[in-house]
Amino acid sequence: MSYSAAGLIGKGGAGRVRMMNFAIRPFTADDAAWLISQHAEHYAIVEGFDASFGPLVASIVDNFLQNHDPAREMGWLAHDGDKRLGTIFCVALNDKTAKLRLFYLIPDARGTGAGQALLDQCLSFARGAGYQKLTLWTHESHVAAGRIYKRNGFTRVASKPVRSFGVDLVEETWEISL
């Protein structure tokens, strides 16, 4: 599916307005190294995460690629031609509940509609696969993510202070009934 959206491009959503064309396709093994490095590099710079975060992302991606059931689990990648823009995954927790994972957009793609399109894809898939609930885990510091979750009907059901990836964080669990 292809999209065309205008968005504010630049640091923190402020900056110049430009049109971004993007499409969404299934995530493949060829995308794995990109996704792992994007997560590790971005969160090291923005959040101060230590080197333990990259291996966690790698294990999630590897497990998905090796073991996912395509009828019940999918990953997608938004792209503009050869430029990868972001990802989202829907994975099974059990027969009734799926988990949204690895929702990430490069900074230039934020505010363009690519994130909403990825989330729409994930929600639609989860409903079509027969899940009754979709849950996710994030951090309170991911304010923009929290806004998109809330805007789409997710509710924050838990939060707790933790020390993860070498920094003090507040973990959050969000969910939505499908």
N, C-alpha and C. Protein backbone atom coordinates (compact mmCIF):
# COMPACT_ATOMS: atom_id res chain seq x y z
N MET A 1 0.84 -1.16 0.00
CA MET A 1 0.00 0.00 0.00
C MET A 1 0.90 1.23 0.00
N SER A 2 0.60 2.20 -0.83
CA SER A 2 1.39 3.43 -0.93
C SER A 2 0.63 4.59 -0.31
N TYR A 3 1.37 5.53 0.24
CA TYR A 3 0.81 6.69 0.90
C TYR A 3 1.56 7.92 0.44
N SER A 4 0.93 9.06 0.55
CA SER A 4 1.57 10.34 0.33
C SER A 4 1.06 11.25 1.43
N ALA A 5 1.96 11.87 2.16
CA ALA A 5 1.53 12.69 3.28
C ALA A 5 2.45 13.88 3.44
N ALA A 6 1.89 14.99 3.84
CA ALA A 6 2.69 16.17 4.17
C ALA A 6 2.88 16.17 5.68
N GLY A 7 4.07 16.51 6.11
CA GLY A 7 4.32 16.55 7.54
C GLY A 7 5.40 17.54 7.86
N LEU A 8 5.50 17.89 9.12
CA LEU A 8 6.57 18.76 9.56
C LEU A 8 7.81 17.90 9.72
N ILE A 9 8.86 18.27 9.04
CA ILE A 9 10.08 17.49 9.05
C ILE A 9 11.15 18.28 9.78
N GLY A 10 11.81 17.65 10.70
CA GLY A 10 12.90 18.29 11.42
C GLY A 10 12.90 17.85 12.87
N LYS A 11 13.82 18.39 13.64
CA LYS A 11 13.97 18.00 15.03
C LYS A 11 12.70 18.28 15.82
N GLY A 12 12.20 17.23 16.48
CA GLY A 12 11.04 17.38 17.33
C GLY A 12 9.76 17.74 16.59
N GLY A 13 9.70 17.49 15.28
CA GLY A 13 8.51 17.81 14.52
C GLY A 13 8.48 19.25 14.04
N ALA A 14 9.41 20.07 14.48
CA ALA A 14 9.46 21.46 14.04
C ALA A 14 10.39 21.55 12.84
N GLY A 15 10.13 22.46 11.98
CA GLY A 15 11.02 22.63 10.83
C GLY A 15 10.23 22.85 9.57
N ARG A 16 10.81 22.46 8.47
CA ARG A 16 10.18 22.71 7.18
C ARG A 16 9.11 21.67 6.89
N VAL A 17 8.17 22.04 6.07
CA VAL A 17 7.12 21.13 5.65
C VAL A 17 7.51 20.58 4.29
N ARG A 18 7.41 19.26 4.13
CA ARG A 18 7.66 18.66 2.83
C ARG A 18 6.78 17.44 2.67
N MET A 19 6.57 17.07 1.44
CA MET A 19 5.76 15.90 1.14
C MET A 19 6.64 14.67 1.30
N MET A 20 6.09 13.64 1.91
CA MET A 20 6.80 12.37 1.99
C MET A 20 5.91 11.30 1.39
N ASN A 21 6.43 10.63 0.41
CA ASN A 21 5.74 9.48 -0.16
C ASN A 21 6.32 8.25 0.51
N PHE A 22 5.46 7.33 0.87
CA PHE A 22 5.95 6.11 1.47
C PHE A 22 5.02 4.98 1.15
N ALA A 23 5.53 3.79 1.27
CA ALA A 23 4.77 2.57 1.10
C ALA A 23 5.07 1.68 2.28
N ILE A 24 4.21 0.70 2.50
CA ILE A 24 4.41 -0.26 3.58
C ILE A 24 4.47 -1.64 2.96
N ARG A 25 5.47 -2.40 3.37
CA ARG A 25 5.64 -3.77 2.88
C ARG A 25 5.99 -4.66 4.05
N PRO A 26 5.90 -5.97 3.88
CA PRO A 26 6.30 -6.87 4.96
C PRO A 26 7.80 -6.72 5.29
N PHE A 27 8.10 -6.84 6.57
CA PHE A 27 9.48 -6.84 7.05
C PHE A 27 10.14 -8.14 6.59
N THR A 28 11.40 -8.05 6.15
CA THR A 28 12.14 -9.23 5.72
C THR A 28 13.47 -9.33 6.46
N ALA A 29 14.11 -10.46 6.32
CA ALA A 29 15.42 -10.67 6.95
C ALA A 29 16.43 -9.64 6.47
N ASP A 30 16.28 -9.13 5.25
CA ASP A 30 17.19 -8.11 4.73
C ASP A 30 17.09 -6.79 5.49
N ASP A 31 16.00 -6.60 6.23
CA ASP A 31 15.80 -5.36 7.00
C ASP A 31 16.35 -5.46 8.42
N ALA A 32 16.73 -6.65 8.84
CA ALA A 32 17.07 -6.88 10.25
C ALA A 32 18.25 -6.03 10.73
N ALA A 33 19.34 -6.03 10.01
CA ALA A 33 20.53 -5.28 10.46
C ALA A 33 20.22 -3.79 10.57
N TRP A 34 19.46 -3.28 9.61
CA TRP A 34 19.08 -1.86 9.64
C TRP A 34 18.28 -1.56 10.91
N LEU A 35 17.24 -2.37 11.18
CA LEU A 35 16.38 -2.12 12.33
C LEU A 35 17.16 -2.19 13.64
N ILE A 36 17.99 -3.19 13.77
CA ILE A 36 18.78 -3.35 15.01
C ILE A 36 19.70 -2.15 15.20
N SER A 37 20.41 -1.74 14.16
CA SER A 37 21.34 -0.61 14.31
C SER A 37 20.59 0.70 14.55
N GLN A 38 19.45 0.90 13.89
CA GLN A 38 18.65 2.11 14.12
C GLN A 38 18.22 2.21 15.58
N HIS A 39 17.69 1.13 16.11
CA HIS A 39 17.26 1.13 17.51
C HIS A 39 18.44 1.41 18.43
N ALA A 40 19.51 0.68 18.26
CA ALA A 40 20.67 0.82 19.16
C ALA A 40 21.25 2.23 19.09
N GLU A 41 21.44 2.75 17.90
CA GLU A 41 22.04 4.08 17.74
C GLU A 41 21.10 5.19 18.23
N HIS A 42 19.85 5.13 17.82
CA HIS A 42 18.90 6.19 18.19
C HIS A 42 18.74 6.27 19.70
N TYR A 43 18.48 5.14 20.34
CA TYR A 43 18.22 5.19 21.78
C TYR A 43 19.47 5.44 22.60
N ALA A 44 20.63 5.14 22.07
CA ALA A 44 21.87 5.52 22.76
C ALA A 44 22.02 7.04 22.76
N ILE A 45 21.71 7.66 21.63
CA ILE A 45 21.85 9.12 21.51
C ILE A 45 20.74 9.84 22.27
N VAL A 46 19.50 9.46 22.04
CA VAL A 46 18.35 10.19 22.57
C VAL A 46 18.08 9.89 24.04
N GLU A 47 18.23 8.62 24.45
CA GLU A 47 17.87 8.21 25.81
C GLU A 47 19.08 7.86 26.67
N GLY A 48 20.26 7.72 26.06
CA GLY A 48 21.44 7.34 26.82
C GLY A 48 21.52 5.85 27.10
N PHE A 49 20.77 5.04 26.34
CA PHE A 49 20.78 3.59 26.56
C PHE A 49 22.19 3.04 26.35
N ASP A 50 22.53 2.04 27.13
CA ASP A 50 23.85 1.41 27.02
C ASP A 50 23.83 0.31 25.94
N ALA A 51 24.93 -0.40 25.84
CA ALA A 51 25.11 -1.40 24.79
C ALA A 51 24.22 -2.64 24.97
N SER A 52 23.49 -2.76 26.08
CA SER A 52 22.62 -3.93 26.26
C SER A 52 21.34 -3.84 25.44
N PHE A 53 21.01 -2.66 24.94
CA PHE A 53 19.74 -2.50 24.21
C PHE A 53 19.79 -3.13 22.82
N GLY A 54 20.86 -2.94 22.09
CA GLY A 54 20.99 -3.52 20.75
C GLY A 54 20.81 -5.03 20.74
N PRO A 55 21.48 -5.76 21.62
CA PRO A 55 21.28 -7.21 21.66
C PRO A 55 19.84 -7.63 21.99
N LEU A 56 19.14 -6.85 22.81
CA LEU A 56 17.74 -7.16 23.09
C LEU A 56 16.92 -7.04 21.80
N VAL A 57 17.11 -5.96 21.07
CA VAL A 57 16.40 -5.78 19.80
C VAL A 57 16.77 -6.91 18.84
N ALA A 58 18.05 -7.25 18.78
CA ALA A 58 18.50 -8.34 17.89
C ALA A 58 17.82 -9.65 18.24
N SER A 59 17.65 -9.93 19.53
CA SER A 59 17.02 -11.20 19.93
C SER A 59 15.53 -11.20 19.55
N ILE A 60 14.86 -10.05 19.68
CA ILE A 60 13.45 -9.95 19.29
C ILE A 60 13.30 -10.17 17.79
N VAL A 61 14.15 -9.51 17.01
CA VAL A 61 14.10 -9.64 15.55
C VAL A 61 14.43 -11.07 15.13
N ASP A 62 15.48 -11.64 15.71
CA ASP A 62 15.89 -13.00 15.35
C ASP A 62 14.78 -14.00 15.68
N ASN A 63 14.19 -13.87 16.86
CA ASN A 63 13.10 -14.76 17.25
C ASN A 63 11.93 -14.65 16.27
N PHE A 64 11.60 -13.43 15.88
CA PHE A 64 10.52 -13.23 14.92
C PHE A 64 10.84 -13.91 13.60
N LEU A 65 12.03 -13.66 13.07
CA LEU A 65 12.40 -14.21 11.77
C LEU A 65 12.46 -15.73 11.78
N GLN A 66 12.89 -16.31 12.88
CA GLN A 66 13.03 -17.76 12.96
C GLN A 66 11.73 -18.49 13.29
N ASN A 67 10.83 -17.84 14.03
CA ASN A 67 9.71 -18.58 14.62
C ASN A 67 8.31 -18.04 14.35
N HIS A 68 8.17 -16.94 13.66
CA HIS A 68 6.82 -16.36 13.58
C HIS A 68 5.87 -17.18 12.71
N ASP A 69 4.61 -17.14 13.09
CA ASP A 69 3.53 -17.77 12.36
C ASP A 69 2.89 -16.68 11.49
N PRO A 70 3.09 -16.70 10.17
CA PRO A 70 2.60 -15.62 9.32
C PRO A 70 1.09 -15.39 9.38
N ALA A 71 0.33 -16.38 9.78
CA ALA A 71 -1.11 -16.19 9.91
C ALA A 71 -1.47 -15.39 11.16
N ARG A 72 -0.58 -15.38 12.15
CA ARG A 72 -0.86 -14.74 13.44
C ARG A 72 0.12 -13.65 13.81
N GLU A 73 1.24 -13.55 13.07
CA GLU A 73 2.28 -12.58 13.42
C GLU A 73 2.87 -11.98 12.15
N MET A 74 3.08 -10.66 12.20
CA MET A 74 3.64 -9.98 11.03
C MET A 74 4.49 -8.81 11.49
N GLY A 75 5.40 -8.43 10.62
CA GLY A 75 6.17 -7.21 10.77
C GLY A 75 6.06 -6.42 9.48
N TRP A 76 6.09 -5.10 9.58
CA TRP A 76 6.00 -4.24 8.40
C TRP A 76 7.08 -3.18 8.43
N LEU A 77 7.41 -2.71 7.26
CA LEU A 77 8.41 -1.66 7.10
C LEU A 77 7.84 -0.58 6.20
N ALA A 78 7.87 0.65 6.68
CA ALA A 78 7.51 1.80 5.85
C ALA A 78 8.79 2.24 5.13
N HIS A 79 8.65 2.59 3.86
CA HIS A 79 9.84 2.99 3.09
C HIS A 79 9.45 4.01 2.04
N ASP A 80 10.42 4.78 1.63
CA ASP A 80 10.30 5.72 0.52
C ASP A 80 11.34 5.27 -0.50
N GLY A 81 10.92 4.47 -1.44
CA GLY A 81 11.88 3.86 -2.38
C GLY A 81 12.78 2.92 -1.60
N ASP A 82 14.10 3.15 -1.72
CA ASP A 82 15.07 2.33 -1.00
C ASP A 82 15.32 2.80 0.43
N LYS A 83 14.76 3.94 0.81
CA LYS A 83 15.00 4.49 2.14
C LYS A 83 14.01 3.90 3.13
N ARG A 84 14.54 3.19 4.12
CA ARG A 84 13.70 2.62 5.17
C ARG A 84 13.33 3.74 6.15
N LEU A 85 12.05 3.78 6.52
CA LEU A 85 11.54 4.84 7.38
C LEU A 85 11.15 4.36 8.77
N GLY A 86 10.67 3.12 8.88
CA GLY A 86 10.24 2.65 10.18
C GLY A 86 9.60 1.28 10.12
N THR A 87 9.33 0.75 11.31
CA THR A 87 8.80 -0.61 11.43
C THR A 87 7.74 -0.69 12.52
N ILE A 88 6.99 -1.78 12.46
CA ILE A 88 6.08 -2.17 13.53
C ILE A 88 5.85 -3.67 13.39
N PHE A 89 5.62 -4.34 14.52
CA PHE A 89 5.40 -5.79 14.53
C PHE A 89 4.18 -6.11 15.38
N CYS A 90 3.50 -7.17 15.00
CA CYS A 90 2.40 -7.75 15.78
C CYS A 90 2.79 -9.19 16.04
N VAL A 91 2.98 -9.56 17.30
CA VAL A 91 3.37 -10.93 17.65
C VAL A 91 2.41 -11.49 18.69
N ALA A 92 2.24 -12.79 18.67
CA ALA A 92 1.30 -13.46 19.57
C ALA A 92 1.87 -13.55 20.98
N LEU A 93 1.04 -13.23 21.96
CA LEU A 93 1.35 -13.55 23.35
C LEU A 93 0.63 -14.84 23.73
N ASN A 94 -0.62 -14.96 23.27
CA ASN A 94 -1.42 -16.17 23.45
C ASN A 94 -2.52 -16.13 22.39
N ASP A 95 -3.50 -17.00 22.49
CA ASP A 95 -4.55 -17.07 21.47
C ASP A 95 -5.39 -15.81 21.38
N LYS A 96 -5.52 -15.07 22.48
CA LYS A 96 -6.40 -13.91 22.52
C LYS A 96 -5.68 -12.57 22.50
N THR A 97 -4.39 -12.57 22.81
CA THR A 97 -3.66 -11.31 22.96
C THR A 97 -2.40 -11.28 22.10
N ALA A 98 -2.23 -10.17 21.39
CA ALA A 98 -1.02 -9.93 20.60
C ALA A 98 -0.25 -8.78 21.23
N LYS A 99 1.02 -8.68 20.88
CA LYS A 99 1.87 -7.62 21.39
C LYS A 99 2.42 -6.81 20.22
N LEU A 100 2.29 -5.50 20.32
CA LEU A 100 2.90 -4.58 19.37
C LEU A 100 4.36 -4.44 19.78
N ARG A 101 5.27 -4.61 18.82
CA ARG A 101 6.70 -4.54 19.13
C ARG A 101 7.44 -3.73 18.08
N LEU A 102 8.58 -3.20 18.48
CA LEU A 102 9.55 -2.57 17.58
C LEU A 102 8.92 -1.50 16.68
N PHE A 103 8.07 -0.68 17.27
CA PHE A 103 7.47 0.46 16.56
C PHE A 103 8.52 1.56 16.57
N TYR A 104 9.04 1.87 15.40
CA TYR A 104 10.13 2.83 15.29
C TYR A 104 10.02 3.59 13.98
N LEU A 105 10.28 4.90 14.05
CA LEU A 105 10.37 5.73 12.85
C LEU A 105 11.66 6.53 12.91
N ILE A 106 12.33 6.63 11.78
CA ILE A 106 13.50 7.51 11.75
C ILE A 106 13.01 8.94 11.99
N PRO A 107 13.85 9.80 12.53
CA PRO A 107 13.39 11.16 12.84
C PRO A 107 12.77 11.91 11.65
N ASP A 108 13.31 11.75 10.44
CA ASP A 108 12.76 12.46 9.29
C ASP A 108 11.36 12.00 8.90
N ALA A 109 10.93 10.83 9.35
CA ALA A 109 9.61 10.31 9.00
C ALA A 109 8.55 10.65 10.04
N ARG A 110 8.97 11.20 11.15
CA ARG A 110 8.01 11.52 12.21
C ARG A 110 7.16 12.72 11.82
N GLY A 111 5.89 12.64 12.11
CA GLY A 111 4.97 13.72 11.79
C GLY A 111 4.48 13.70 10.35
N THR A 112 4.75 12.64 9.62
CA THR A 112 4.35 12.57 8.21
C THR A 112 3.16 11.67 7.95
N GLY A 113 2.70 10.96 8.96
CA GLY A 113 1.63 10.00 8.78
C GLY A 113 2.14 8.57 8.64
N ALA A 114 3.44 8.39 8.50
CA ALA A 114 3.99 7.04 8.35
C ALA A 114 3.76 6.21 9.62
N GLY A 115 3.92 6.82 10.78
CA GLY A 115 3.69 6.10 12.03
C GLY A 115 2.24 5.67 12.16
N GLN A 116 1.31 6.57 11.84
CA GLN A 116 -0.12 6.22 11.91
C GLN A 116 -0.44 5.11 10.92
N ALA A 117 0.13 5.17 9.73
CA ALA A 117 -0.12 4.12 8.73
C ALA A 117 0.40 2.77 9.21
N LEU A 118 1.58 2.76 9.83
CA LEU A 118 2.10 1.51 10.39
C LEU A 118 1.19 0.98 11.50
N LEU A 119 0.78 1.88 12.39
CA LEU A 119 -0.09 1.46 13.49
C LEU A 119 -1.43 0.95 12.96
N ASP A 120 -1.99 1.63 11.95
CA ASP A 120 -3.23 1.15 11.34
C ASP A 120 -3.05 -0.26 10.77
N GLN A 121 -1.92 -0.50 10.12
CA GLN A 121 -1.63 -1.82 9.55
C GLN A 121 -1.61 -2.88 10.64
N CYS A 122 -0.94 -2.57 11.74
CA CYS A 122 -0.82 -3.51 12.86
C CYS A 122 -2.18 -3.79 13.49
N LEU A 123 -2.95 -2.74 13.75
CA LEU A 123 -4.27 -2.92 14.36
C LEU A 123 -5.19 -3.73 13.46
N SER A 124 -5.18 -3.43 12.18
CA SER A 124 -6.01 -4.16 11.23
C SER A 124 -5.63 -5.64 11.18
N PHE A 125 -4.34 -5.90 11.14
CA PHE A 125 -3.87 -7.29 11.12
C PHE A 125 -4.30 -8.02 12.39
N ALA A 126 -4.10 -7.37 13.56
CA ALA A 126 -4.44 -8.02 14.83
C ALA A 126 -5.93 -8.36 14.88
N ARG A 127 -6.76 -7.44 14.42
CA ARG A 127 -8.20 -7.72 14.39
C ARG A 127 -8.50 -8.88 13.44
N GLY A 128 -7.90 -8.84 12.26
CA GLY A 128 -8.13 -9.88 11.26
C GLY A 128 -7.64 -11.25 11.70
N ALA A 129 -6.60 -11.27 12.54
CA ALA A 129 -6.06 -12.54 13.04
C ALA A 129 -6.87 -13.08 14.21
N GLY A 130 -7.87 -12.32 14.65
CA GLY A 130 -8.76 -12.80 15.70
C GLY A 130 -8.35 -12.48 17.12
N TYR A 131 -7.34 -11.62 17.29
CA TYR A 131 -6.95 -11.24 18.65
C TYR A 131 -8.05 -10.39 19.27
N GLN A 132 -8.20 -10.50 20.58
CA GLN A 132 -9.17 -9.69 21.32
C GLN A 132 -8.53 -8.46 21.95
N LYS A 133 -7.19 -8.52 22.11
CA LYS A 133 -6.49 -7.42 22.77
C LYS A 133 -5.10 -7.30 22.17
N LEU A 134 -4.61 -6.04 22.11
CA LEU A 134 -3.24 -5.76 21.68
C LEU A 134 -2.59 -4.99 22.81
N THR A 135 -1.42 -5.42 23.22
CA THR A 135 -0.71 -4.78 24.32
C THR A 135 0.67 -4.34 23.82
N LEU A 136 1.28 -3.43 24.55
CA LEU A 136 2.63 -3.00 24.21
C LEU A 136 3.35 -2.52 25.45
N TRP A 137 4.66 -2.49 25.35
CA TRP A 137 5.55 -2.03 26.42
C TRP A 137 6.38 -0.89 25.86
N THR A 138 6.47 0.20 26.61
CA THR A 138 7.27 1.35 26.18
C THR A 138 7.80 2.06 27.42
N HIS A 139 8.35 3.23 27.21
CA HIS A 139 8.85 4.06 28.32
C HIS A 139 8.13 5.40 28.32
N GLU A 140 7.92 5.94 29.48
CA GLU A 140 7.24 7.22 29.66
C GLU A 140 7.92 8.33 28.86
N SER A 141 9.22 8.23 28.67
CA SER A 141 9.95 9.27 27.94
C SER A 141 9.61 9.30 26.46
N HIS A 142 8.95 8.27 25.95
CA HIS A 142 8.55 8.23 24.54
C HIS A 142 7.19 8.93 24.40
N VAL A 143 7.21 10.24 24.59
CA VAL A 143 6.00 11.04 24.66
C VAL A 143 5.19 10.98 23.37
N ALA A 144 5.85 11.10 22.23
CA ALA A 144 5.12 11.07 20.95
C ALA A 144 4.43 9.72 20.76
N ALA A 145 5.10 8.66 21.15
CA ALA A 145 4.48 7.33 21.04
C ALA A 145 3.24 7.26 21.92
N GLY A 146 3.34 7.78 23.13
CA GLY A 146 2.19 7.78 24.03
C GLY A 146 1.01 8.54 23.44
N ARG A 147 1.30 9.65 22.76
CA ARG A 147 0.22 10.42 22.13
C ARG A 147 -0.48 9.63 21.04
N ILE A 148 0.28 8.94 20.19
CA ILE A 148 -0.34 8.18 19.11
C ILE A 148 -1.12 6.99 19.66
N TYR A 149 -0.60 6.36 20.71
CA TYR A 149 -1.33 5.25 21.32
C TYR A 149 -2.66 5.75 21.89
N LYS A 150 -2.62 6.82 22.65
CA LYS A 150 -3.83 7.36 23.26
C LYS A 150 -4.83 7.80 22.19
N ARG A 151 -4.36 8.47 21.15
CA ARG A 151 -5.22 8.93 20.06
C ARG A 151 -5.93 7.77 19.36
N ASN A 152 -5.32 6.59 19.39
CA ASN A 152 -5.88 5.42 18.72
C ASN A 152 -6.64 4.48 19.65
N GLY A 153 -6.89 4.92 20.87
CA GLY A 153 -7.73 4.14 21.78
C GLY A 153 -7.02 3.25 22.76
N PHE A 154 -5.69 3.27 22.78
CA PHE A 154 -4.95 2.51 23.78
C PHE A 154 -5.09 3.19 25.14
N THR A 155 -5.01 2.40 26.19
CA THR A 155 -5.04 2.90 27.56
C THR A 155 -3.77 2.43 28.26
N ARG A 156 -3.15 3.34 28.99
CA ARG A 156 -2.00 2.95 29.81
C ARG A 156 -2.54 2.22 31.03
N VAL A 157 -2.12 0.96 31.18
CA VAL A 157 -2.67 0.13 32.26
C VAL A 157 -1.67 -0.10 33.39
N ALA A 158 -0.41 0.24 33.18
CA ALA A 158 0.59 0.06 34.23
C ALA A 158 1.80 0.94 33.94
N SER A 159 2.45 1.37 35.00
CA SER A 159 3.74 2.06 34.87
C SER A 159 4.53 1.81 36.15
N LYS A 160 5.85 1.73 35.98
CA LYS A 160 6.70 1.53 37.15
C LYS A 160 8.11 2.01 36.86
N PRO A 161 8.75 2.61 37.86
CA PRO A 161 10.14 3.04 37.69
C PRO A 161 11.06 1.81 37.66
N VAL A 162 12.03 1.85 36.76
CA VAL A 162 12.99 0.76 36.61
C VAL A 162 14.35 1.35 36.27
N ARG A 163 15.35 0.51 36.37
CA ARG A 163 16.66 0.84 35.83
C ARG A 163 16.91 -0.19 34.73
N SER A 164 16.91 0.28 33.50
CA SER A 164 17.10 -0.59 32.33
C SER A 164 18.04 0.09 31.36
N PHE A 165 18.83 -0.71 30.70
CA PHE A 165 19.73 -0.23 29.65
C PHE A 165 20.66 0.87 30.16
N GLY A 166 20.99 0.78 31.47
CA GLY A 166 21.94 1.71 32.07
C GLY A 166 21.37 3.04 32.49
N VAL A 167 20.04 3.22 32.42
CA VAL A 167 19.42 4.49 32.80
C VAL A 167 18.16 4.24 33.62
N ASP A 168 17.77 5.26 34.38
CA ASP A 168 16.52 5.20 35.12
C ASP A 168 15.38 5.57 34.18
N LEU A 169 14.35 4.72 34.14
CA LEU A 169 13.23 4.89 33.23
C LEU A 169 11.93 4.61 33.97
N VAL A 170 10.83 4.96 33.33
CA VAL A 170 9.52 4.54 33.80
C VAL A 170 8.93 3.69 32.68
N GLU A 171 8.80 2.39 32.97
CA GLU A 171 8.19 1.47 32.00
C GLU A 171 6.68 1.67 32.00
N GLU A 172 6.10 1.54 30.82
CA GLU A 172 4.65 1.63 30.69
C GLU A 172 4.12 0.44 29.90
N THR A 173 2.95 -0.02 30.30
CA THR A 173 2.22 -1.03 29.53
C THR A 173 0.93 -0.37 29.07
N TRP A 174 0.66 -0.49 27.78
CA TRP A 174 -0.58 0.05 27.18
C TRP A 174 -1.31 -1.11 26.55
N GLU A 175 -2.64 -0.99 26.43
CA GLU A 175 -3.39 -2.02 25.73
C GLU A 175 -4.66 -1.42 25.12
N ILE A 176 -5.18 -2.18 24.18
CA ILE A 176 -6.43 -1.81 23.52
C ILE A 176 -7.24 -3.07 23.28
N SER A 177 -8.55 -2.99 23.52
CA SER A 177 -9.43 -4.10 23.17
C SER A 177 -9.75 -3.98 21.69
N LEU A 178 -9.71 -5.10 21.02
CA LEU A 178 -9.95 -5.11 19.57
C LEU A 178 -11.36 -5.56 19.27
